PDB file of N, CA and C in Angstrom:
ATOM      1  N   MET A   1       0.817  -1.193   0.000  1.00  0.00           N
ATOM      2  CA  MET A   1       0.000   0.000   0.000  1.00  0.00           C
ATOM      3  C   MET A   1       0.853   1.246   0.000  1.00  0.00           C
ATOM      4  N   SER A   2       2.033   1.206   0.648  1.00  0.00           N
ATOM      5  CA  SER A   2       2.880   2.393   0.682  1.00  0.00           C
ATOM      6  C   SER A   2       3.355   2.758  -0.719  1.00  0.00           C
ATOM      7  N   GLY A   3       3.588   1.762  -1.563  1.00  0.00           N
ATOM      8  CA  GLY A   3       3.954   2.031  -2.948  1.00  0.00           C
ATOM      9  C   GLY A   3       2.822   2.712  -3.693  1.00  0.00           C
ATOM     10  N   LEU A   4       1.603   2.287  -3.425  1.00  0.00           N
ATOM     11  CA  LEU A   4       0.436   2.886  -4.059  1.00  0.00           C
ATOM     12  C   LEU A   4       0.269   4.330  -3.609  1.00  0.00           C
ATOM     13  N   LEU A   5       0.485   4.586  -2.331  1.00  0.00           N
ATOM     14  CA  LEU A   5       0.379   5.943  -1.813  1.00  0.00           C
ATOM     15  C   LEU A   5       1.451   6.832  -2.434  1.00  0.00           C
ATOM     16  N   ALA A   6       2.653   6.320  -2.557  1.00  0.00           N
ATOM     17  CA  ALA A   6       3.725   7.092  -3.187  1.00  0.00           C
ATOM     18  C   ALA A   6       3.376   7.429  -4.633  1.00  0.00           C
ATOM     19  N   LEU A   7       2.818   6.461  -5.352  1.00  0.00           N
ATOM     20  CA  LEU A   7       2.400   6.703  -6.726  1.00  0.00           C
ATOM     21  C   LEU A   7       1.311   7.764  -6.766  1.00  0.00           C
ATOM     22  N   ALA A   8       0.362   7.697  -5.864  1.00  0.00           N
ATOM     23  CA  ALA A   8      -0.732   8.666  -5.825  1.00  0.00           C
ATOM     24  C   ALA A   8      -0.209  10.074  -5.576  1.00  0.00           C
ATOM     25  N   ILE A   9       0.730  10.209  -4.666  1.00  0.00           N
ATOM     26  CA  ILE A   9       1.297  11.521  -4.366  1.00  0.00           C
ATOM     27  C   ILE A   9       2.074  12.048  -5.556  1.00  0.00           C
ATOM     28  N   GLN A  10       2.849  11.180  -6.190  1.00  0.00           N
ATOM     29  CA  GLN A  10       3.633  11.584  -7.346  1.00  0.00           C
ATOM     30  C   GLN A  10       2.724  12.034  -8.486  1.00  0.00           C
ATOM     31  N   VAL A  11       1.688  11.279  -8.760  1.00  0.00           N
ATOM     32  CA  VAL A  11       0.776  11.609  -9.846  1.00  0.00           C
ATOM     33  C   VAL A  11       0.025  12.897  -9.543  1.00  0.00           C
ATOM     34  N   ALA A  12      -0.417  13.061  -8.316  1.00  0.00           N
ATOM     35  CA  ALA A  12      -1.188  14.247  -7.948  1.00  0.00           C
ATOM     36  C   ALA A  12      -0.346  15.517  -8.006  1.00  0.00           C
ATOM     37  N   ALA A  13       0.953  15.390  -7.812  1.00  0.00           N
ATOM     38  CA  ALA A  13       1.825  16.558  -7.781  1.00  0.00           C
ATOM     39  C   ALA A  13       2.293  16.997  -9.163  1.00  0.00           C
ATOM     40  N   GLN A  14       2.042  16.206 -10.189  1.00  0.00           N
ATOM     41  CA  GLN A  14       2.488  16.565 -11.530  1.00  0.00           C
ATOM     42  C   GLN A  14       1.708  17.763 -12.060  1.00  0.00           C
ATOM     43  N   PRO A  15       2.423  18.708 -12.684  1.00  0.00           N
ATOM     44  CA  PRO A  15       1.728  19.867 -13.237  1.00  0.00           C
ATOM     45  C   PRO A  15       0.918  19.488 -14.471  1.00  0.00           C
ATOM     46  N   SER A  16      -0.113  20.249 -14.723  1.00  0.00           N
ATOM     47  CA  SER A  16      -0.949  19.990 -15.886  1.00  0.00           C
ATOM     48  C   SER A  16      -1.613  21.270 -16.346  1.00  0.00           C
ATOM     49  N   LEU A  17      -1.852  21.362 -17.642  1.00  0.00           N
ATOM     50  CA  LEU A  17      -2.522  22.526 -18.204  1.00  0.00           C
ATOM     51  C   LEU A  17      -4.011  22.287 -18.382  1.00  0.00           C
ATOM     52  N   GLN A  18      -4.479  21.058 -18.171  1.00  0.00           N
ATOM     53  CA  GLN A  18      -5.858  20.711 -18.438  1.00  0.00           C
ATOM     54  C   GLN A  18      -6.779  20.869 -17.232  1.00  0.00           C
ATOM     55  N   ARG A  19      -6.263  21.329 -16.133  1.00  0.00           N
ATOM     56  CA  ARG A  19      -7.089  21.425 -14.935  1.00  0.00           C
ATOM     57  C   ARG A  19      -8.142  22.507 -15.111  1.00  0.00           C
ATOM     58  N   GLY A  20      -9.303  22.210 -14.654  1.00  0.00           N
ATOM     59  CA  GLY A  20     -10.393  23.163 -14.752  1.00  0.00           C
ATOM     60  C   GLY A  20     -11.497  22.768 -13.804  1.00  0.00           C
ATOM     61  N   LYS A  21     -12.685  23.231 -14.078  1.00  0.00           N
ATOM     62  CA  LYS A  21     -13.818  22.912 -13.214  1.00  0.00           C
ATOM     63  C   LYS A  21     -14.127  21.420 -13.284  1.00  0.00           C
ATOM     64  N   MET A  22     -14.198  20.800 -12.127  1.00  0.00           N
ATOM     65  CA  MET A  22     -14.449  19.363 -12.064  1.00  0.00           C
ATOM     66  C   MET A  22     -15.934  19.126 -11.869  1.00  0.00           C
ATOM     67  N   SER A  23     -16.411  18.011 -12.425  1.00  0.00           N
ATOM     68  CA  SER A  23     -17.801  17.595 -12.247  1.00  0.00           C
ATOM     69  C   SER A  23     -17.818  16.093 -12.046  1.00  0.00           C
ATOM     70  N   GLN A  24     -18.901  15.597 -11.473  1.00  0.00           N
ATOM     71  CA  GLN A  24     -19.022  14.152 -11.293  1.00  0.00           C
ATOM     72  C   GLN A  24     -19.033  13.456 -12.652  1.00  0.00           C
ATOM     73  N   ALA A  25     -19.598  14.105 -13.663  1.00  0.00           N
ATOM     74  CA  ALA A  25     -19.620  13.522 -15.011  1.00  0.00           C
ATOM     75  C   ALA A  25     -18.204  13.323 -15.540  1.00  0.00           C
ATOM     76  N   ARG A  26     -17.310  14.292 -15.299  1.00  0.00           N
ATOM     77  CA  ARG A  26     -15.910  14.137 -15.730  1.00  0.00           C
ATOM     78  C   ARG A  26     -15.228  13.003 -14.977  1.00  0.00           C
ATOM     79  N   LEU A  27     -15.501  12.896 -13.687  1.00  0.00           N
ATOM     80  CA  LEU A  27     -14.918  11.809 -12.894  1.00  0.00           C
ATOM     81  C   LEU A  27     -15.424  10.459 -13.397  1.00  0.00           C
ATOM     82  N   ASP A  28     -16.708  10.384 -13.724  1.00  0.00           N
ATOM     83  CA  ASP A  28     -17.281   9.138 -14.256  1.00  0.00           C
ATOM     84  C   ASP A  28     -16.608   8.751 -15.576  1.00  0.00           C
ATOM     85  N   LEU A  29     -16.321   9.740 -16.427  1.00  0.00           N
ATOM     86  CA  LEU A  29     -15.643   9.458 -17.696  1.00  0.00           C
ATOM     87  C   LEU A  29     -14.234   8.909 -17.460  1.00  0.00           C
ATOM     88  N   MET A  30     -13.542   9.452 -16.459  1.00  0.00           N
ATOM     89  CA  MET A  30     -12.204   8.948 -16.119  1.00  0.00           C
ATOM     90  C   MET A  30     -12.276   7.493 -15.675  1.00  0.00           C
ATOM     91  N   ALA A  31     -13.222   7.202 -14.792  1.00  0.00           N
ATOM     92  CA  ALA A  31     -13.382   5.830 -14.308  1.00  0.00           C
ATOM     93  C   ALA A  31     -13.743   4.898 -15.464  1.00  0.00           C
ATOM     94  N   ASP A  32     -14.661   5.333 -16.320  1.00  0.00           N
ATOM     95  CA  ASP A  32     -15.073   4.512 -17.458  1.00  0.00           C
ATOM     96  C   ASP A  32     -13.898   4.232 -18.396  1.00  0.00           C
ATOM     97  N   ALA A  33     -13.069   5.235 -18.637  1.00  0.00           N
ATOM     98  CA  ALA A  33     -11.923   5.073 -19.534  1.00  0.00           C
ATOM     99  C   ALA A  33     -10.936   4.038 -18.995  1.00  0.00           C
ATOM    100  N   CYS A  34     -10.892   3.895 -17.689  1.00  0.00           N
ATOM    101  CA  CYS A  34      -9.981   2.940 -17.052  1.00  0.00           C
ATOM    102  C   CYS A  34     -10.673   1.623 -16.700  1.00  0.00           C
ATOM    103  N   ARG A  35     -11.947   1.513 -17.054  1.00  0.00           N
ATOM    104  CA  ARG A  35     -12.748   0.338 -16.709  1.00  0.00           C
ATOM    105  C   ARG A  35     -12.749   0.082 -15.207  1.00  0.00           C
ATOM    106  N   ALA A  36     -12.813   1.186 -14.478  1.00  0.00           N
ATOM    107  CA  ALA A  36     -12.846   1.146 -13.011  1.00  0.00           C
ATOM    108  C   ALA A  36     -14.255   1.508 -12.548  1.00  0.00           C
ATOM    109  N   PRO A  37     -14.647   1.068 -11.381  1.00  0.00           N
ATOM    110  CA  PRO A  37     -15.972   1.427 -10.867  1.00  0.00           C
ATOM    111  C   PRO A  37     -16.091   2.938 -10.643  1.00  0.00           C
ATOM    112  N   ARG A  38     -17.216   3.482 -11.011  1.00  0.00           N
ATOM    113  CA  ARG A  38     -17.452   4.915 -10.825  1.00  0.00           C
ATOM    114  C   ARG A  38     -17.438   5.313  -9.360  1.00  0.00           C
ATOM    115  N   LYS A  39     -17.764   4.376  -8.473  1.00  0.00           N
ATOM    116  CA  LYS A  39     -17.814   4.692  -7.041  1.00  0.00           C
ATOM    117  C   LYS A  39     -16.432   5.034  -6.482  1.00  0.00           C
ATOM    118  N   TRP A  40     -15.372   4.724  -7.215  1.00  0.00           N
ATOM    119  CA  TRP A  40     -14.020   5.054  -6.767  1.00  0.00           C
ATOM    120  C   TRP A  40     -13.793   6.554  -6.705  1.00  0.00           C
ATOM    121  N   LEU A  41     -14.472   7.310  -7.556  1.00  0.00           N
ATOM    122  CA  LEU A  41     -14.265   8.753  -7.645  1.00  0.00           C
ATOM    123  C   LEU A  41     -15.542   9.481  -7.254  1.00  0.00           C
ATOM    124  N   GLU A  42     -15.410  10.387  -6.313  1.00  0.00           N
ATOM    125  CA  GLU A  42     -16.584  11.116  -5.844  1.00  0.00           C
ATOM    126  C   GLU A  42     -16.230  12.586  -5.673  1.00  0.00           C
ATOM    127  N   LEU A  43     -17.103  13.436  -6.129  1.00  0.00           N
ATOM    128  CA  LEU A  43     -16.926  14.873  -5.970  1.00  0.00           C
ATOM    129  C   LEU A  43     -17.721  15.320  -4.749  1.00  0.00           C
ATOM    130  N   ARG A  44     -17.017  15.890  -3.770  1.00  0.00           N
ATOM    131  CA  ARG A  44     -17.653  16.401  -2.549  1.00  0.00           C
ATOM    132  C   ARG A  44     -17.351  17.895  -2.472  1.00  0.00           C
ATOM    133  N   GLY A  45     -18.272  18.681  -2.972  1.00  0.00           N
ATOM    134  CA  GLY A  45     -18.024  20.123  -3.038  1.00  0.00           C
ATOM    135  C   GLY A  45     -16.908  20.390  -4.036  1.00  0.00           C
ATOM    136  N   ARG A  46     -15.804  20.983  -3.568  1.00  0.00           N
ATOM    137  CA  ARG A  46     -14.644  21.240  -4.436  1.00  0.00           C
ATOM    138  C   ARG A  46     -13.600  20.142  -4.318  1.00  0.00           C
ATOM    139  N   GLU A  47     -13.815  19.178  -3.453  1.00  0.00           N
ATOM    140  CA  GLU A  47     -12.838  18.121  -3.201  1.00  0.00           C
ATOM    141  C   GLU A  47     -13.174  16.867  -3.994  1.00  0.00           C
ATOM    142  N   THR A  48     -12.146  16.290  -4.613  1.00  0.00           N
ATOM    143  CA  THR A  48     -12.289  15.027  -5.319  1.00  0.00           C
ATOM    144  C   THR A  48     -11.758  13.921  -4.415  1.00  0.00           C
ATOM    145  N   VAL A  49     -12.574  12.911  -4.167  1.00  0.00           N
ATOM    146  CA  VAL A  49     -12.188  11.812  -3.283  1.00  0.00           C
ATOM    147  C   VAL A  49     -11.973  10.564  -4.128  1.00  0.00           C
ATOM    148  N   PHE A  50     -10.798   9.934  -3.951  1.00  0.00           N
ATOM    149  CA  PHE A  50     -10.465   8.686  -4.643  1.00  0.00           C
ATOM    150  C   PHE A  50     -10.391   7.588  -3.596  1.00  0.00           C
ATOM    151  N   ARG A  51     -11.228   6.559  -3.762  1.00  0.00           N
ATOM    152  CA  ARG A  51     -11.244   5.439  -2.829  1.00  0.00           C
ATOM    153  C   ARG A  51     -11.429   4.153  -3.637  1.00  0.00           C
ATOM    154  N   ALA A  52     -10.334   3.435  -3.820  1.00  0.00           N
ATOM    155  CA  ALA A  52     -10.387   2.170  -4.558  1.00  0.00           C
ATOM    156  C   ALA A  52     -10.745   1.033  -3.604  1.00  0.00           C
ATOM    157  N   ASP A  53     -11.210  -0.060  -4.158  1.00  0.00           N
ATOM    158  CA  ASP A  53     -11.513  -1.248  -3.360  1.00  0.00           C
ATOM    159  C   ASP A  53     -10.212  -1.862  -2.849  1.00  0.00           C
ATOM    160  N   PRO A  54     -10.232  -2.503  -1.690  1.00  0.00           N
ATOM    161  CA  PRO A  54      -9.012  -3.102  -1.140  1.00  0.00           C
ATOM    162  C   PRO A  54      -8.356  -4.133  -2.063  1.00  0.00           C
ATOM    163  N   ASP A  55      -9.145  -4.831  -2.849  1.00  0.00           N
ATOM    164  CA  ASP A  55      -8.589  -5.855  -3.735  1.00  0.00           C
ATOM    165  C   ASP A  55      -8.538  -5.384  -5.188  1.00  0.00           C
ATOM    166  N   ALA A  56      -8.474  -4.068  -5.385  1.00  0.00           N
ATOM    167  CA  ALA A  56      -8.518  -3.494  -6.731  1.00  0.00           C
ATOM    168  C   ALA A  56      -7.272  -3.839  -7.537  1.00  0.00           C
ATOM    169  N   ASP A  57      -7.458  -3.928  -8.835  1.00  0.00           N
ATOM    170  CA  ASP A  57      -6.369  -4.159  -9.783  1.00  0.00           C
ATOM    171  C   ASP A  57      -5.495  -2.902  -9.835  1.00  0.00           C
ATOM    172  N   TYR A  58      -4.197  -3.056  -9.566  1.00  0.00           N
ATOM    173  CA  TYR A  58      -3.303  -1.899  -9.539  1.00  0.00           C
ATOM    174  C   TYR A  58      -3.230  -1.191 -10.883  1.00  0.00           C
ATOM    175  N   ALA A  59      -3.405  -1.902 -11.970  1.00  0.00           N
ATOM    176  CA  ALA A  59      -3.384  -1.272 -13.294  1.00  0.00           C
ATOM    177  C   ALA A  59      -4.537  -0.283 -13.433  1.00  0.00           C
ATOM    178  N   LYS A  60      -5.699  -0.630 -12.890  1.00  0.00           N
ATOM    179  CA  LYS A  60      -6.845   0.284 -12.935  1.00  0.00           C
ATOM    180  C   LYS A  60      -6.614   1.486 -12.017  1.00  0.00           C
ATOM    181  N   ILE A  61      -6.026   1.241 -10.863  1.00  0.00           N
ATOM    182  CA  ILE A  61      -5.723   2.334  -9.943  1.00  0.00           C
ATOM    183  C   ILE A  61      -4.742   3.301 -10.603  1.00  0.00           C
ATOM    184  N   GLU A  62      -3.707   2.761 -11.199  1.00  0.00           N
ATOM    185  CA  GLU A  62      -2.714   3.596 -11.864  1.00  0.00           C
ATOM    186  C   GLU A  62      -3.345   4.405 -12.990  1.00  0.00           C
ATOM    187  N   CYS A  63      -4.198   3.785 -13.769  1.00  0.00           N
ATOM    188  CA  CYS A  63      -4.880   4.464 -14.862  1.00  0.00           C
ATOM    189  C   CYS A  63      -5.712   5.635 -14.337  1.00  0.00           C
ATOM    190  N   VAL A  64      -6.501   5.394 -13.303  1.00  0.00           N
ATOM    191  CA  VAL A  64      -7.347   6.450 -12.745  1.00  0.00           C
ATOM    192  C   VAL A  64      -6.491   7.589 -12.210  1.00  0.00           C
ATOM    193  N   LEU A  65      -5.419   7.271 -11.492  1.00  0.00           N
ATOM    194  CA  LEU A  65      -4.556   8.318 -10.946  1.00  0.00           C
ATOM    195  C   LEU A  65      -3.902   9.139 -12.048  1.00  0.00           C
ATOM    196  N   LYS A  66      -3.524   8.493 -13.126  1.00  0.00           N
ATOM    197  CA  LYS A  66      -2.942   9.231 -14.254  1.00  0.00           C
ATOM    198  C   LYS A  66      -3.969  10.172 -14.873  1.00  0.00           C
ATOM    199  N   LYS A  67      -5.188   9.693 -15.039  1.00  0.00           N
ATOM    200  CA  LYS A  67      -6.251  10.545 -15.592  1.00  0.00           C
ATOM    201  C   LYS A  67      -6.506  11.729 -14.663  1.00  0.00           C
ATOM    202  N   MET A  68      -6.523  11.464 -13.369  1.00  0.00           N
ATOM    203  CA  MET A  68      -6.790  12.519 -12.399  1.00  0.00           C
ATOM    204  C   MET A  68      -5.674  13.547 -12.376  1.00  0.00           C
ATOM    205  N   SER A  69      -4.436  13.121 -12.602  1.00  0.00           N
ATOM    206  CA  SER A  69      -3.313  14.050 -12.513  1.00  0.00           C
ATOM    207  C   SER A  69      -3.433  15.184 -13.519  1.00  0.00           C
ATOM    208  N   GLY A  70      -4.103  14.936 -14.623  1.00  0.00           N
ATOM    209  CA  GLY A  70      -4.271  15.972 -15.620  1.00  0.00           C
ATOM    210  C   GLY A  70      -5.487  16.829 -15.412  1.00  0.00           C
ATOM    211  N   ALA A  71      -6.328  16.471 -14.462  1.00  0.00           N
ATOM    212  CA  ALA A  71      -7.603  17.177 -14.335  1.00  0.00           C
ATOM    213  C   ALA A  71      -7.902  17.691 -12.937  1.00  0.00           C
ATOM    214  N   VAL A  72      -7.294  17.121 -11.921  1.00  0.00           N
ATOM    215  CA  VAL A  72      -7.638  17.463 -10.540  1.00  0.00           C
ATOM    216  C   VAL A  72      -6.493  18.225  -9.891  1.00  0.00           C
ATOM    217  N   ASP A  73      -6.798  19.359  -9.293  1.00  0.00           N
ATOM    218  CA  ASP A  73      -5.817  20.131  -8.549  1.00  0.00           C
ATOM    219  C   ASP A  73      -5.469  19.355  -7.276  1.00  0.00           C
ATOM    220  N   ALA A  74      -4.179  19.132  -7.037  1.00  0.00           N
ATOM    221  CA  ALA A  74      -3.744  18.322  -5.892  1.00  0.00           C
ATOM    222  C   ALA A  74      -4.228  18.876  -4.561  1.00  0.00           C
ATOM    223  N   SER A  75      -4.475  20.180  -4.485  1.00  0.00           N
ATOM    224  CA  SER A  75      -4.934  20.747  -3.216  1.00  0.00           C
ATOM    225  C   SER A  75      -6.396  20.398  -2.935  1.00  0.00           C
ATOM    226  N   ASN A  76      -7.101  19.882  -3.938  1.00  0.00           N
ATOM    227  CA  ASN A  76      -8.499  19.495  -3.768  1.00  0.00           C
ATOM    228  C   ASN A  76      -8.689  17.991  -3.915  1.00  0.00           C
ATOM    229  N   LEU A  77      -7.655  17.222  -3.607  1.00  0.00           N
ATOM    230  CA  LEU A  77      -7.689  15.777  -3.791  1.00  0.00           C
ATOM    231  C   LEU A  77      -7.534  15.067  -2.459  1.00  0.00           C
ATOM    232  N   ALA A  78      -8.409  14.093  -2.217  1.00  0.00           N
ATOM    233  CA  ALA A  78      -8.303  13.258  -1.026  1.00  0.00           C
ATOM    234  C   ALA A  78      -8.182  11.810  -1.481  1.00  0.00           C
ATOM    235  N   ILE A  79      -7.154  11.132  -1.019  1.00  0.00           N
ATOM    236  CA  ILE A  79      -6.960   9.722  -1.351  1.00  0.00           C
ATOM    237  C   ILE A  79      -7.171   8.931  -0.070  1.00  0.00           C
ATOM    238  N   VAL A  80      -8.139   8.033  -0.103  1.00  0.00           N
ATOM    239  CA  VAL A  80      -8.484   7.245   1.067  1.00  0.00           C
ATOM    240  C   VAL A  80      -7.759   5.918   0.984  1.00  0.00           C
ATOM    241  N   GLY A  81      -6.913   5.623   1.969  1.00  0.00           N
ATOM    242  CA  GLY A  81      -6.179   4.365   2.006  1.00  0.00           C
ATOM    243  C   GLY A  81      -7.108   3.207   2.314  1.00  0.00           C
ATOM    244  N   ASN A  82      -6.740   2.031   1.824  1.00  0.00           N
ATOM    245  CA  ASN A  82      -7.616   0.891   2.021  1.00  0.00           C
ATOM    246  C   ASN A  82      -6.862  -0.372   2.411  1.00  0.00           C
ATOM    247  N   ALA A  83      -5.637  -0.219   2.836  1.00  0.00           N
ATOM    248  CA  ALA A  83      -4.852  -1.392   3.213  1.00  0.00           C
ATOM    249  C   ALA A  83      -5.326  -1.930   4.560  1.00  0.00           C
ATOM    250  N   GLU A  84      -5.341  -3.246   4.668  1.00  0.00           N
ATOM    251  CA  GLU A  84      -5.705  -3.851   5.941  1.00  0.00           C
ATOM    252  C   GLU A  84      -4.526  -3.791   6.884  1.00  0.00           C
ATOM    253  N   VAL A  85      -4.798  -3.540   8.114  1.00  0.00           N
ATOM    254  CA  VAL A  85      -3.734  -3.440   9.128  1.00  0.00           C
ATOM    255  C   VAL A  85      -3.332  -4.851   9.534  1.00  0.00           C
ATOM    256  N   SER A  86      -2.029  -5.103   9.485  1.00  0.00           N
ATOM    257  CA  SER A  86      -1.511  -6.405   9.885  1.00  0.00           C
ATOM    258  C   SER A  86      -1.520  -6.513  11.406  1.00  0.00           C
ATOM    259  N   GLU A  87      -1.871  -7.682  11.910  1.00  0.00           N
ATOM    260  CA  GLU A  87      -1.893  -7.876  13.358  1.00  0.00           C
ATOM    261  C   GLU A  87      -0.547  -8.395  13.872  1.00  0.00           C
ATOM    262  N   GLU A  88       0.416  -8.600  12.969  1.00  0.00           N
ATOM    263  CA  GLU A  88       1.734  -9.047  13.381  1.00  0.00           C
ATOM    264  C   GLU A  88       2.495  -7.884  14.008  1.00  0.00           C
ATOM    265  N   LYS A  89       3.276  -8.180  15.042  1.00  0.00           N
ATOM    266  CA  LYS A  89       4.085  -7.134  15.693  1.00  0.00           C
ATOM    267  C   LYS A  89       5.533  -7.478  15.664  1.00  0.00           C
TER     268      LYS A  89
END
């Protein structure tokens, strides 16, 4: 999961000229283009929330994050972690 978080931060920090007003319809198009569930991307006011399933295909996650990097301002992005906590100490 830490690798996924690092990828998310890297993708979100990339500059882009395509950023503009976000809508749920645009987020749905991103998810559809990556064959990912639309529920992964949610617009809450000005904030875009990305929450993948715990057993999600990393290729789909990477695709969605790449699409988002060109459209979502990193200051308005929330990435919800989904890794299970290990009980080993």
